[in-house]
Amino acid sequence: MRERLKTQKTFNSILKILAFFSKRKFFDKLTFWMTKSNAKLNIRLNKPKYTDDVRELAETWKKMMPADGQEFFKIAKISEDIAYTEIHLHCPLRGTGHIEACNKLMNYDRTLMREVGGELIVLESQSNSGKNYCSLAIRKKGSDQTPQSFST
């Protein structure tokens, strides 16, 4: 069961369920709880180390994603203070214009990063950018560095 939880297929199925709830304001509290709970489960299963190194934060984020789907999670660029990453899987919110729903779903990734010493910021979302990937920035927790938009 534990290994099944770590697969891309399971990740995609959970993402579809969460996307359904995230598009409906009535379920805001439930969506927040589900994304946070799933992230906490990921932390318990993977036991990542707390760090304040941006490169390690980005690598930890990627390692906490399904092992059989690593090609969907890319580290695009790392500067001294900010790591730029991308999610290339097909999001159920792609092209819907539901940026608020995306923000709710990304609570999962933000929770993961907070738990290991970082902060995650969504720069571009598949929901409204017209791109087939999302762009994210990861920085150390408490950093005042402002990420710039970045395209590969």
Protein backbone atom coordinates (compact mmCIF):
# COMPACT_ATOMS: atom_id res chain seq x y z
CA MET A 1 0.00 0.00 0.00
CA ARG A 2 2.80 2.38 0.92
CA GLU A 3 4.46 2.01 -2.49
CA ARG A 4 1.15 2.50 -4.29
CA LEU A 5 0.77 5.88 -2.55
CA LYS A 6 4.06 6.99 -4.11
CA THR A 7 3.11 6.37 -7.76
CA GLN A 8 2.38 8.94 -10.47
CA LYS A 9 -0.94 7.21 -11.17
CA THR A 10 -2.07 7.72 -7.57
CA PHE A 11 -0.74 11.30 -7.60
CA ASN A 12 -2.75 12.09 -10.76
CA SER A 13 -5.92 10.51 -9.34
CA ILE A 14 -5.66 12.53 -6.14
CA LEU A 15 -4.94 15.66 -8.18
CA LYS A 16 -8.16 15.17 -10.18
CA ILE A 17 -10.19 14.76 -7.00
CA LEU A 18 -8.61 17.80 -5.39
CA ALA A 19 -9.14 19.86 -8.57
CA PHE A 20 -12.85 19.04 -8.46
CA PHE A 21 -13.12 20.37 -4.91
CA SER A 22 -10.78 23.33 -5.46
CA LYS A 23 -13.06 24.80 -8.16
CA ARG A 24 -15.96 25.02 -5.71
CA LYS A 25 -15.84 27.71 -3.03
CA PHE A 26 -18.15 25.65 -0.81
CA PHE A 27 -15.29 23.15 -0.35
CA ASP A 28 -12.51 25.65 0.46
CA LYS A 29 -11.88 24.38 4.00
CA LEU A 30 -12.02 20.74 2.88
CA THR A 31 -9.61 21.43 0.00
CA PHE A 32 -7.18 23.17 2.36
CA TRP A 33 -7.37 20.27 4.81
CA MET A 34 -6.93 17.62 2.08
CA THR A 35 -3.93 19.32 0.45
CA LYS A 36 -2.25 19.88 3.81
CA SER A 37 -3.00 16.33 4.99
CA ASN A 38 -1.62 14.81 1.78
CA ALA A 39 1.54 16.90 2.10
CA LYS A 40 1.98 15.83 5.74
CA LEU A 41 1.55 12.18 4.67
CA ASN A 42 4.22 12.69 2.01
CA ILE A 43 6.54 14.13 4.67
CA ARG A 44 5.93 11.11 6.95
CA LEU A 45 6.55 8.65 4.11
CA ASN A 46 9.65 10.31 2.65
CA LYS A 47 11.23 11.84 5.79
CA PRO A 48 13.00 14.73 4.01
CA LYS A 49 15.64 16.74 5.84
CA TYR A 50 15.13 20.35 6.88
CA THR A 51 17.51 22.68 5.04
CA ASP A 52 18.14 26.34 4.31
CA ASP A 53 20.07 25.68 1.10
CA VAL A 54 18.06 26.64 -1.99
CA ARG A 55 19.53 23.89 -4.19
CA GLU A 56 18.71 21.27 -1.56
CA LEU A 57 15.19 22.68 -1.17
CA ALA A 58 14.56 22.31 -4.92
CA GLU A 59 16.02 18.81 -4.99
CA THR A 60 13.95 17.84 -1.94
CA TRP A 61 10.77 19.17 -3.60
CA LYS A 62 11.48 17.04 -6.66
CA LYS A 63 12.35 13.93 -4.62
CA MET A 64 9.02 14.19 -2.78
CA MET A 65 7.19 13.80 -6.08
CA PRO A 66 6.41 10.30 -7.43
CA ALA A 67 9.54 8.36 -8.36
CA ASP A 68 7.94 7.04 -11.55
CA GLY A 69 6.99 10.58 -12.66
CA GLN A 70 10.20 12.50 -12.04
CA GLU A 71 10.30 13.71 -15.65
CA PHE A 72 7.26 15.91 -14.93
CA PHE A 73 9.02 17.86 -12.17
CA LYS A 74 11.96 19.92 -13.38
CA ILE A 75 14.50 22.18 -11.77
CA ALA A 76 14.96 24.85 -14.43
CA LYS A 77 17.43 27.25 -12.82
CA ILE A 78 19.03 27.85 -9.45
CA SER A 79 20.45 31.18 -8.37
CA GLU A 80 22.04 31.94 -5.02
CA ASP A 81 18.69 32.71 -3.38
CA ILE A 82 15.94 31.20 -5.55
CA ALA A 83 15.33 27.92 -7.35
CA TYR A 84 13.03 28.00 -10.37
CA THR A 85 11.10 24.78 -10.96
CA GLU A 86 8.42 23.56 -13.33
CA ILE A 87 5.61 21.05 -13.25
CA HIS A 88 5.04 19.50 -16.69
CA LEU A 89 2.26 17.06 -15.94
CA HIS A 90 -1.20 17.69 -17.38
CA CYS A 91 -3.07 19.56 -14.66
CA PRO A 92 -6.86 19.08 -14.58
CA LEU A 93 -7.11 22.88 -14.28
CA ARG A 94 -5.16 23.53 -17.52
CA GLY A 95 -6.84 26.24 -19.55
CA THR A 96 -9.81 26.63 -17.20
CA GLY A 97 -8.92 30.11 -15.96
CA HIS A 98 -9.37 28.88 -12.37
CA ILE A 99 -6.29 30.55 -10.89
CA GLU A 100 -7.90 30.52 -7.41
CA ALA A 101 -8.40 26.76 -7.69
CA CYS A 102 -4.75 26.40 -8.66
CA ASN A 103 -3.74 28.44 -5.65
CA LYS A 104 -5.73 26.07 -3.45
CA LEU A 105 -4.12 22.98 -5.00
CA MET A 106 -0.64 24.43 -4.65
CA ASN A 107 -1.17 24.48 -0.88
CA TYR A 108 0.16 20.91 -1.16
CA ASP A 109 3.53 22.08 -2.53
CA ARG A 110 3.66 25.10 -0.22
CA THR A 111 3.10 22.81 2.77
CA LEU A 112 5.86 20.47 1.61
CA MET A 113 8.30 23.36 1.34
CA ARG A 114 7.35 24.93 4.68
CA GLU A 115 7.98 21.60 6.39
CA VAL A 116 11.54 21.41 5.05
CA GLY A 117 12.59 25.06 5.42
CA GLY A 118 11.40 26.74 2.24
CA GLU A 119 8.70 28.82 0.67
CA LEU A 120 7.07 28.09 -2.68
CA ILE A 121 5.60 30.74 -4.97
CA VAL A 122 3.58 30.04 -8.11
CA LEU A 123 4.87 32.26 -10.94
CA GLU A 124 2.72 30.88 -13.77
CA SER A 125 -0.16 28.44 -13.71
CA GLN A 126 -1.38 26.10 -16.44
CA SER A 127 -4.86 27.22 -15.48
CA ASN A 128 -4.47 30.60 -17.15
CA SER A 129 -1.02 30.97 -18.77
CA GLY A 130 -1.69 29.05 -21.97
CA LYS A 131 1.41 26.96 -21.25
CA ASN A 132 1.51 23.22 -20.68
CA TYR A 133 3.49 23.58 -17.45
CA CYS A 134 3.51 25.61 -14.24
CA SER A 135 6.46 27.76 -13.17
CA LEU A 136 7.37 27.94 -9.50
CA ALA A 137 9.99 29.59 -7.33
CA ILE A 138 11.43 28.11 -4.16
CA ARG A 139 13.32 30.19 -1.64
CA LYS A 140 14.48 29.83 1.96
CA LYS A 141 11.79 30.34 4.58
CA GLY A 142 11.75 33.98 5.65
CA SER A 143 13.72 35.17 2.62
CA ASP A 144 12.85 38.59 1.25
CA GLN A 145 14.14 37.70 -2.22
CA THR A 146 11.49 38.35 -4.85
CA PRO A 147 11.45 35.82 -7.68
CA GLN A 148 11.34 37.10 -11.22
CA SER A 149 9.31 35.35 -13.87
CA PHE A 150 11.48 32.80 -15.61
CA SER A 151 10.97 30.90 -18.85
CA THR A 152 13.13 28.10 -20.17
